[in-house]
N, C-alpha and C. Protein backbone atom coordinates (compact mmCIF):
# COMPACT_ATOMS: atom_id res chain seq x y z
N MET A 1 50.75 63.42 -56.11
CA MET A 1 51.74 62.85 -55.19
C MET A 1 52.04 63.82 -54.04
N ILE A 2 52.38 63.22 -53.00
CA ILE A 2 52.66 64.04 -51.81
C ILE A 2 54.21 64.12 -51.77
N TYR A 3 54.64 65.37 -51.60
CA TYR A 3 56.08 65.55 -51.53
C TYR A 3 56.44 65.96 -50.15
N ASP A 4 57.60 65.73 -49.80
CA ASP A 4 58.08 66.11 -48.53
C ASP A 4 58.28 67.57 -48.49
N ALA A 5 57.77 68.25 -47.49
CA ALA A 5 57.87 69.71 -47.47
C ALA A 5 59.36 70.14 -47.25
N MET A 6 60.15 69.36 -46.76
CA MET A 6 61.51 69.70 -46.55
C MET A 6 62.36 69.58 -47.83
N CYS A 7 61.94 68.78 -48.67
CA CYS A 7 62.67 68.53 -49.90
C CYS A 7 61.96 69.27 -50.98
N HIS A 8 62.72 70.11 -51.69
CA HIS A 8 62.08 70.85 -52.82
C HIS A 8 62.43 70.29 -54.14
N ASN A 9 62.96 69.08 -54.15
CA ASN A 9 63.36 68.55 -55.41
C ASN A 9 62.10 67.80 -55.93
N SER A 10 62.23 67.30 -57.09
CA SER A 10 61.10 66.66 -57.78
C SER A 10 61.00 65.13 -57.39
N GLN A 11 61.75 64.64 -56.69
CA GLN A 11 61.73 63.23 -56.22
C GLN A 11 60.79 63.07 -55.04
N PRO A 12 60.03 62.02 -55.02
CA PRO A 12 59.19 61.79 -53.86
C PRO A 12 60.03 61.52 -52.61
N SER A 13 59.45 61.88 -51.54
CA SER A 13 60.07 61.71 -50.23
C SER A 13 60.18 60.38 -49.83
N LEU A 14 61.14 60.01 -48.96
CA LEU A 14 61.25 58.73 -48.41
C LEU A 14 60.07 58.43 -47.47
N LEU A 15 59.57 59.47 -46.88
CA LEU A 15 58.39 59.24 -46.02
C LEU A 15 57.22 58.79 -46.80
N TYR A 16 56.98 59.24 -47.97
CA TYR A 16 55.91 58.78 -48.83
C TYR A 16 56.04 57.34 -49.21
N ILE A 17 57.24 56.91 -49.48
CA ILE A 17 57.44 55.57 -49.82
C ILE A 17 57.23 54.64 -48.66
N ASN A 18 57.78 55.01 -47.55
CA ASN A 18 57.70 54.18 -46.34
C ASN A 18 56.35 54.18 -45.71
N PHE A 19 55.70 55.25 -45.87
CA PHE A 19 54.32 55.42 -45.24
C PHE A 19 53.37 54.31 -45.63
N PRO A 20 53.10 53.99 -46.91
CA PRO A 20 52.25 52.96 -47.27
C PRO A 20 52.75 51.54 -46.88
N LEU A 21 54.04 51.36 -46.92
CA LEU A 21 54.64 50.08 -46.46
C LEU A 21 54.42 49.86 -44.99
N SER A 22 54.50 50.87 -44.23
CA SER A 22 54.34 50.69 -42.80
C SER A 22 52.80 50.46 -42.39
N LEU A 23 51.97 50.92 -43.26
CA LEU A 23 50.56 50.77 -42.95
C LEU A 23 49.99 49.36 -43.36
N LEU A 24 50.76 48.75 -44.37
CA LEU A 24 50.32 47.45 -44.83
C LEU A 24 50.23 46.38 -43.74
N PRO A 25 51.27 46.21 -42.98
CA PRO A 25 51.13 45.23 -41.81
C PRO A 25 50.11 45.52 -40.88
N SER A 26 49.93 46.80 -40.48
CA SER A 26 48.90 47.09 -39.55
C SER A 26 47.47 46.89 -40.17
N ARG A 27 47.32 47.18 -41.44
CA ARG A 27 45.94 46.98 -42.08
C ARG A 27 45.67 45.42 -42.19
N HIS A 28 46.75 44.71 -42.55
CA HIS A 28 46.61 43.29 -42.57
C HIS A 28 46.30 42.66 -41.20
N SER A 29 46.98 43.19 -40.17
CA SER A 29 46.71 42.69 -38.80
C SER A 29 45.30 43.07 -38.36
N ALA A 30 44.83 44.25 -38.67
CA ALA A 30 43.44 44.70 -38.37
C ALA A 30 42.44 43.81 -39.03
N GLN A 31 42.74 43.48 -40.38
CA GLN A 31 41.78 42.58 -41.05
C GLN A 31 41.72 41.18 -40.37
N GLN A 32 42.91 40.78 -39.95
CA GLN A 32 42.93 39.47 -39.26
C GLN A 32 42.24 39.50 -38.00
N ASN A 33 42.38 40.57 -37.26
CA ASN A 33 41.65 40.69 -35.99
C ASN A 33 40.12 40.74 -36.22
N ARG A 34 39.69 41.50 -37.32
CA ARG A 34 38.33 41.51 -37.53
C ARG A 34 37.81 40.16 -37.88
N ALA A 35 38.56 39.45 -38.70
CA ALA A 35 38.14 38.06 -39.10
C ALA A 35 38.08 37.15 -37.92
N ARG A 36 39.06 37.27 -36.97
CA ARG A 36 39.00 36.49 -35.78
C ARG A 36 37.83 36.86 -34.89
N LYS A 37 37.49 38.10 -34.84
CA LYS A 37 36.28 38.57 -34.05
C LYS A 37 35.06 37.98 -34.62
N VAL A 38 34.93 38.02 -35.89
CA VAL A 38 33.75 37.56 -36.61
C VAL A 38 33.70 36.00 -36.38
N GLN A 39 34.80 35.36 -36.50
CA GLN A 39 34.76 33.81 -36.29
C GLN A 39 34.40 33.52 -34.84
N TYR A 40 34.97 34.29 -33.88
CA TYR A 40 34.74 34.07 -32.47
C TYR A 40 33.21 34.38 -32.18
N ILE A 41 32.67 35.40 -32.74
CA ILE A 41 31.22 35.66 -32.60
C ILE A 41 30.43 34.52 -33.14
N ALA A 42 30.78 34.07 -34.28
CA ALA A 42 30.01 32.93 -34.93
C ALA A 42 30.09 31.68 -34.05
N GLU A 43 31.23 31.49 -33.46
CA GLU A 43 31.44 30.27 -32.50
C GLU A 43 30.58 30.47 -31.27
N LEU A 44 30.56 31.70 -30.73
CA LEU A 44 29.69 31.98 -29.66
C LEU A 44 28.22 31.73 -29.92
N GLU A 45 27.81 32.20 -31.12
CA GLU A 45 26.43 32.05 -31.49
C GLU A 45 26.08 30.58 -31.58
N ARG A 46 27.01 29.79 -32.23
CA ARG A 46 26.74 28.33 -32.31
C ARG A 46 26.66 27.68 -30.95
N SER A 47 27.51 28.12 -30.02
CA SER A 47 27.50 27.62 -28.64
C SER A 47 26.18 27.94 -27.93
N ILE A 48 25.78 29.18 -28.21
CA ILE A 48 24.48 29.62 -27.56
C ILE A 48 23.33 28.77 -28.10
N GLN A 49 23.35 28.51 -29.41
CA GLN A 49 22.28 27.66 -29.97
C GLN A 49 22.32 26.30 -29.48
N ALA A 50 23.55 25.76 -29.31
CA ALA A 50 23.71 24.39 -28.76
C ALA A 50 23.20 24.34 -27.31
N PHE A 51 23.57 25.30 -26.59
CA PHE A 51 23.12 25.43 -25.11
C PHE A 51 21.61 25.55 -25.04
N GLN A 52 21.04 26.34 -25.95
CA GLN A 52 19.56 26.53 -25.93
C GLN A 52 18.91 25.25 -26.32
N ALA A 53 19.45 24.53 -27.32
CA ALA A 53 18.78 23.20 -27.65
C ALA A 53 18.99 22.20 -26.47
N GLY A 54 20.10 22.22 -25.87
CA GLY A 54 20.35 21.35 -24.76
C GLY A 54 19.43 21.68 -23.57
N GLY A 55 19.22 23.05 -23.40
CA GLY A 55 18.39 23.55 -22.35
C GLY A 55 16.91 23.11 -22.56
N LEU A 56 16.54 23.19 -23.84
CA LEU A 56 15.17 22.61 -24.12
C LEU A 56 14.98 21.22 -23.80
N GLU A 57 16.08 20.41 -24.16
CA GLU A 57 15.96 18.95 -23.80
C GLU A 57 15.88 18.72 -22.34
N VAL A 58 16.78 19.51 -21.60
CA VAL A 58 16.78 19.25 -20.19
C VAL A 58 15.46 19.73 -19.52
N SER A 59 14.94 20.88 -20.05
CA SER A 59 13.67 21.42 -19.58
C SER A 59 12.49 20.35 -19.74
N ALA A 60 12.51 19.72 -21.02
CA ALA A 60 11.46 18.77 -21.27
C ALA A 60 11.64 17.56 -20.30
N GLU A 61 12.88 17.10 -20.15
CA GLU A 61 13.15 15.97 -19.27
C GLU A 61 12.79 16.32 -17.84
N LEU A 62 13.13 17.54 -17.41
CA LEU A 62 12.74 17.95 -16.03
C LEU A 62 11.20 17.94 -15.84
N GLU A 63 10.50 18.42 -16.83
CA GLU A 63 9.02 18.43 -16.74
C GLU A 63 8.46 17.02 -16.67
N PHE A 64 9.07 16.13 -17.51
CA PHE A 64 8.67 14.72 -17.44
C PHE A 64 8.90 14.10 -16.11
N LEU A 65 10.13 14.36 -15.55
CA LEU A 65 10.48 13.84 -14.17
C LEU A 65 9.58 14.40 -13.12
N ASP A 66 9.21 15.68 -13.24
CA ASP A 66 8.27 16.33 -12.28
C ASP A 66 6.93 15.50 -12.33
N GLN A 67 6.47 15.26 -13.52
CA GLN A 67 5.20 14.56 -13.63
C GLN A 67 5.30 13.18 -13.10
N GLN A 68 6.38 12.47 -13.38
CA GLN A 68 6.63 11.15 -12.75
C GLN A 68 6.64 11.19 -11.26
N ASN A 69 7.28 12.28 -10.73
CA ASN A 69 7.43 12.38 -9.24
C ASN A 69 6.03 12.60 -8.66
N LEU A 70 5.17 13.37 -9.34
CA LEU A 70 3.85 13.63 -8.85
C LEU A 70 3.03 12.37 -8.92
N ILE A 71 3.23 11.55 -9.99
CA ILE A 71 2.39 10.30 -10.10
C ILE A 71 2.89 9.35 -8.96
N LEU A 72 4.21 9.24 -8.78
CA LEU A 72 4.71 8.29 -7.82
C LEU A 72 4.31 8.75 -6.41
N GLY A 73 4.26 10.03 -6.17
CA GLY A 73 3.79 10.54 -4.90
C GLY A 73 2.32 10.17 -4.61
N MET A 74 1.44 10.27 -5.63
CA MET A 74 0.12 9.91 -5.51
C MET A 74 0.02 8.39 -5.22
N GLU A 75 0.83 7.58 -5.98
CA GLU A 75 0.77 6.13 -5.75
C GLU A 75 1.19 5.76 -4.32
N ASN A 76 2.24 6.49 -3.94
CA ASN A 76 2.82 6.32 -2.50
C ASN A 76 1.74 6.52 -1.50
N ARG A 77 1.05 7.66 -1.59
CA ARG A 77 -0.01 8.02 -0.69
C ARG A 77 -1.16 6.93 -0.72
N ALA A 78 -1.60 6.47 -1.92
CA ALA A 78 -2.53 5.47 -1.98
C ALA A 78 -2.10 4.18 -1.32
N LEU A 79 -0.79 3.81 -1.58
CA LEU A 79 -0.35 2.53 -0.94
C LEU A 79 -0.27 2.67 0.61
N LYS A 80 0.14 3.90 1.08
CA LYS A 80 0.19 4.11 2.44
C LYS A 80 -1.28 4.01 3.16
N GLN A 81 -2.25 4.51 2.44
CA GLN A 81 -3.60 4.46 2.97
C GLN A 81 -4.09 3.02 2.92
N ARG A 82 -3.69 2.19 1.89
CA ARG A 82 -4.07 0.83 1.86
C ARG A 82 -3.34 0.03 2.87
N LEU A 83 -2.15 0.34 3.19
CA LEU A 83 -1.42 -0.31 4.36
C LEU A 83 -2.09 -0.06 5.69
N ASP A 84 -2.48 1.33 5.85
CA ASP A 84 -3.19 1.66 7.11
C ASP A 84 -4.49 0.86 7.20
N SER A 85 -5.20 0.76 6.12
CA SER A 85 -6.46 0.06 6.09
C SER A 85 -6.29 -1.42 6.48
N LEU A 86 -5.28 -2.03 5.85
CA LEU A 86 -4.99 -3.46 6.10
C LEU A 86 -4.49 -3.67 7.53
N SER A 87 -3.74 -2.74 8.06
CA SER A 87 -3.33 -2.78 9.45
C SER A 87 -4.50 -2.79 10.35
N GLN A 88 -5.48 -1.92 10.08
CA GLN A 88 -6.71 -1.78 10.88
C GLN A 88 -7.44 -3.09 10.85
N GLU A 89 -7.60 -3.59 9.59
CA GLU A 89 -8.41 -4.86 9.44
C GLU A 89 -7.69 -6.01 10.20
N GLN A 90 -6.41 -6.09 10.11
CA GLN A 90 -5.67 -7.13 10.83
C GLN A 90 -5.88 -6.97 12.39
N PHE A 91 -5.82 -5.71 12.85
CA PHE A 91 -6.05 -5.49 14.29
C PHE A 91 -7.41 -5.92 14.68
N ILE A 92 -8.46 -5.52 13.88
CA ILE A 92 -9.81 -5.97 14.19
C ILE A 92 -10.00 -7.51 14.14
N LYS A 93 -9.35 -8.09 13.19
CA LYS A 93 -9.42 -9.61 13.14
C LYS A 93 -8.78 -10.25 14.31
N CYS A 94 -7.67 -9.68 14.65
CA CYS A 94 -6.99 -10.25 15.90
C CYS A 94 -7.90 -10.05 17.19
N MET A 95 -8.44 -8.94 17.26
CA MET A 95 -9.35 -8.68 18.41
C MET A 95 -10.58 -9.61 18.39
N GLU A 96 -11.14 -9.88 17.16
CA GLU A 96 -12.25 -10.79 17.09
C GLU A 96 -11.78 -12.22 17.40
N GLN A 97 -10.65 -12.61 16.97
CA GLN A 97 -10.17 -13.95 17.28
C GLN A 97 -9.87 -14.07 18.76
N GLU A 98 -9.38 -13.06 19.41
CA GLU A 98 -9.16 -13.10 20.82
C GLU A 98 -10.51 -13.20 21.56
N MET A 99 -11.46 -12.42 21.09
CA MET A 99 -12.74 -12.54 21.79
C MET A 99 -13.39 -13.89 21.58
N LEU A 100 -13.32 -14.45 20.39
CA LEU A 100 -13.82 -15.81 20.12
C LEU A 100 -13.12 -16.84 20.95
N GLU A 101 -11.77 -16.71 21.12
CA GLU A 101 -11.05 -17.69 21.92
C GLU A 101 -11.54 -17.55 23.41
N LYS A 102 -11.70 -16.32 23.84
CA LYS A 102 -12.25 -16.18 25.25
C LYS A 102 -13.69 -16.84 25.37
N GLU A 103 -14.46 -16.61 24.36
CA GLU A 103 -15.85 -17.16 24.41
C GLU A 103 -15.74 -18.67 24.37
N ILE A 104 -14.82 -19.28 23.65
CA ILE A 104 -14.66 -20.72 23.54
C ILE A 104 -14.26 -21.26 24.90
N ALA A 105 -13.27 -20.50 25.56
CA ALA A 105 -12.84 -20.90 26.87
C ALA A 105 -14.01 -20.79 27.93
N ARG A 106 -14.79 -19.76 27.82
CA ARG A 106 -15.90 -19.61 28.76
C ARG A 106 -16.90 -20.71 28.56
N LEU A 107 -17.29 -21.03 27.27
CA LEU A 107 -18.20 -22.15 26.93
C LEU A 107 -17.64 -23.47 27.37
N ARG A 108 -16.33 -23.68 27.22
CA ARG A 108 -15.76 -24.94 27.67
C ARG A 108 -15.90 -25.06 29.23
N ASN A 109 -15.54 -24.03 29.96
CA ASN A 109 -15.70 -24.06 31.37
C ASN A 109 -17.12 -24.29 31.74
N LEU A 110 -18.08 -23.60 31.09
CA LEU A 110 -19.51 -23.83 31.38
C LEU A 110 -19.93 -25.28 31.12
N TYR A 111 -19.41 -25.84 29.95
CA TYR A 111 -19.72 -27.21 29.63
C TYR A 111 -19.17 -28.21 30.66
N GLN A 112 -17.95 -27.87 31.04
CA GLN A 112 -17.30 -28.75 32.08
C GLN A 112 -18.09 -28.73 33.36
N GLN A 113 -18.53 -27.49 33.77
CA GLN A 113 -19.30 -27.41 35.00
C GLN A 113 -20.60 -28.14 34.85
N GLN A 114 -21.24 -28.10 33.75
CA GLN A 114 -22.49 -28.83 33.54
C GLN A 114 -22.22 -30.38 33.54
N GLN A 115 -21.15 -30.73 33.00
CA GLN A 115 -20.78 -32.14 33.02
C GLN A 115 -20.62 -32.65 34.47
N GLN A 116 -19.87 -31.86 35.23
CA GLN A 116 -19.61 -32.20 36.60
C GLN A 116 -20.98 -32.29 37.47
N LYS A 117 -21.86 -31.35 37.17
CA LYS A 117 -23.17 -31.40 37.81
C LYS A 117 -23.94 -32.65 37.39
N GLN A 118 -23.90 -32.96 36.10
CA GLN A 118 -24.56 -34.17 35.66
C GLN A 118 -23.97 -35.47 36.29
N LYS A 119 -22.61 -35.49 36.41
CA LYS A 119 -21.99 -36.66 36.96
C LYS A 119 -22.43 -36.74 38.42
N GLN A 120 -22.49 -35.63 39.09
CA GLN A 120 -22.92 -35.73 40.46
C GLN A 120 -24.34 -36.20 40.58
N LYS A 121 -25.24 -35.84 39.65
CA LYS A 121 -26.60 -36.30 39.73
C LYS A 121 -26.68 -37.79 39.39
N HIS A 122 -25.94 -38.23 38.40
CA HIS A 122 -26.12 -39.63 37.91
C HIS A 122 -25.10 -40.53 38.61
N TYR A 123 -24.24 -40.02 39.45
CA TYR A 123 -23.18 -40.79 40.07
C TYR A 123 -22.36 -41.55 39.16
N GLY A 124 -21.92 -40.88 38.08
CA GLY A 124 -20.94 -41.51 37.20
C GLY A 124 -21.55 -42.45 36.24
N GLY A 125 -22.80 -42.33 35.79
CA GLY A 125 -23.42 -43.22 34.83
C GLY A 125 -22.81 -43.06 33.43
N PRO A 126 -23.22 -43.87 32.51
CA PRO A 126 -22.67 -43.76 31.12
C PRO A 126 -23.02 -42.43 30.48
N ARG A 127 -22.09 -41.99 29.68
CA ARG A 127 -22.24 -40.67 28.99
C ARG A 127 -23.15 -40.87 27.71
N SER A 128 -23.93 -39.84 27.49
CA SER A 128 -24.76 -39.91 26.32
C SER A 128 -24.02 -39.67 25.02
N LYS A 129 -24.61 -39.90 23.85
CA LYS A 129 -24.03 -39.71 22.55
C LYS A 129 -23.82 -38.18 22.35
N SER A 130 -24.72 -37.30 22.74
CA SER A 130 -24.62 -35.87 22.49
C SER A 130 -23.48 -35.37 23.34
N THR A 131 -23.26 -35.88 24.57
CA THR A 131 -22.18 -35.38 25.40
C THR A 131 -20.78 -35.76 24.75
N GLN A 132 -20.70 -37.00 24.13
CA GLN A 132 -19.56 -37.37 23.51
C GLN A 132 -19.30 -36.43 22.28
N ASP A 133 -20.35 -36.16 21.53
CA ASP A 133 -20.15 -35.23 20.28
C ASP A 133 -19.65 -33.90 20.76
N LEU A 134 -20.23 -33.32 21.87
CA LEU A 134 -19.75 -32.09 22.31
C LEU A 134 -18.25 -32.16 22.78
N ASP A 135 -17.97 -33.24 23.44
CA ASP A 135 -16.47 -33.39 23.79
C ASP A 135 -15.57 -33.42 22.62
N SER A 136 -16.00 -34.13 21.53
CA SER A 136 -15.12 -34.21 20.47
C SER A 136 -15.05 -32.84 19.66
N SER A 137 -16.21 -32.09 19.68
CA SER A 137 -16.16 -30.78 19.06
C SER A 137 -15.28 -29.80 19.79
N PHE A 138 -15.31 -29.82 21.12
CA PHE A 138 -14.36 -29.02 21.94
C PHE A 138 -12.94 -29.43 21.66
N ALA A 139 -12.65 -30.74 21.50
CA ALA A 139 -11.32 -31.21 21.32
C ALA A 139 -10.83 -30.69 19.97
N ARG A 140 -11.66 -30.66 18.93
CA ARG A 140 -11.33 -30.14 17.61
C ARG A 140 -10.99 -28.64 17.70
N LEU A 141 -11.88 -27.95 18.45
CA LEU A 141 -11.59 -26.52 18.63
C LEU A 141 -10.24 -26.33 19.27
N SER A 142 -9.95 -27.13 20.30
CA SER A 142 -8.68 -27.00 20.94
C SER A 142 -7.54 -27.26 20.00
N LEU A 143 -7.67 -28.23 19.09
CA LEU A 143 -6.65 -28.53 18.15
C LEU A 143 -6.45 -27.39 17.23
N LYS A 144 -7.54 -26.82 16.68
CA LYS A 144 -7.45 -25.63 15.79
C LYS A 144 -6.77 -24.51 16.49
N ASN A 145 -7.09 -24.29 17.68
CA ASN A 145 -6.46 -23.12 18.43
C ASN A 145 -5.00 -23.40 18.62
N ARG A 146 -4.68 -24.66 18.95
CA ARG A 146 -3.21 -24.98 19.07
C ARG A 146 -2.48 -24.84 17.80
N GLY A 147 -3.11 -25.13 16.68
CA GLY A 147 -2.52 -25.04 15.39
C GLY A 147 -2.31 -23.61 15.07
N THR A 148 -3.29 -22.69 15.35
CA THR A 148 -3.06 -21.33 15.08
C THR A 148 -2.00 -20.73 16.01
N GLU A 149 -1.99 -21.16 17.23
CA GLU A 149 -1.01 -20.68 18.17
C GLU A 149 0.42 -21.11 17.73
N LEU A 150 0.51 -22.31 17.21
CA LEU A 150 1.76 -22.82 16.70
C LEU A 150 2.28 -21.91 15.50
N GLN A 151 1.31 -21.64 14.62
CA GLN A 151 1.55 -20.78 13.47
C GLN A 151 2.01 -19.39 13.84
N LYS A 152 1.34 -18.88 14.90
CA LYS A 152 1.79 -17.55 15.45
C LYS A 152 3.15 -17.61 15.99
N ALA A 153 3.47 -18.68 16.64
CA ALA A 153 4.80 -18.83 17.29
C ALA A 153 5.89 -18.85 16.29
N ARG A 154 5.57 -19.38 15.12
CA ARG A 154 6.61 -19.53 14.08
C ARG A 154 6.90 -18.16 13.62
């Protein structure tokens, strides 16, 4: 036993009795602090694991979305090329139609000039069957052209 140096009697000192009692609350508090720290560290570790798992999910989803973006970009470029090709085809067909319409107009004028020359030669005689057939063919062409012009106007 520890005795107080000031007291030379055989009784233990008050300091000895009070000393362990004063340490008990601080020891208990220190144990509680250590337990809280351990619990806090365990919670942090669980949070880290949860974030890592979530990070893996997000990473996988991001990779999937990157692949989808790449695929959609390729499809978009292919569709743009197809659109350009179709636009060029349409332009070429419009130019062909315009040339054909000009050729029809030229042939119609030529035909009318020939008809006038024949009328002048024959002095207005009856028209032959082939002439009537050509007239009806040109009339049908005119109707087709008017129909396409009406469709374009709409």
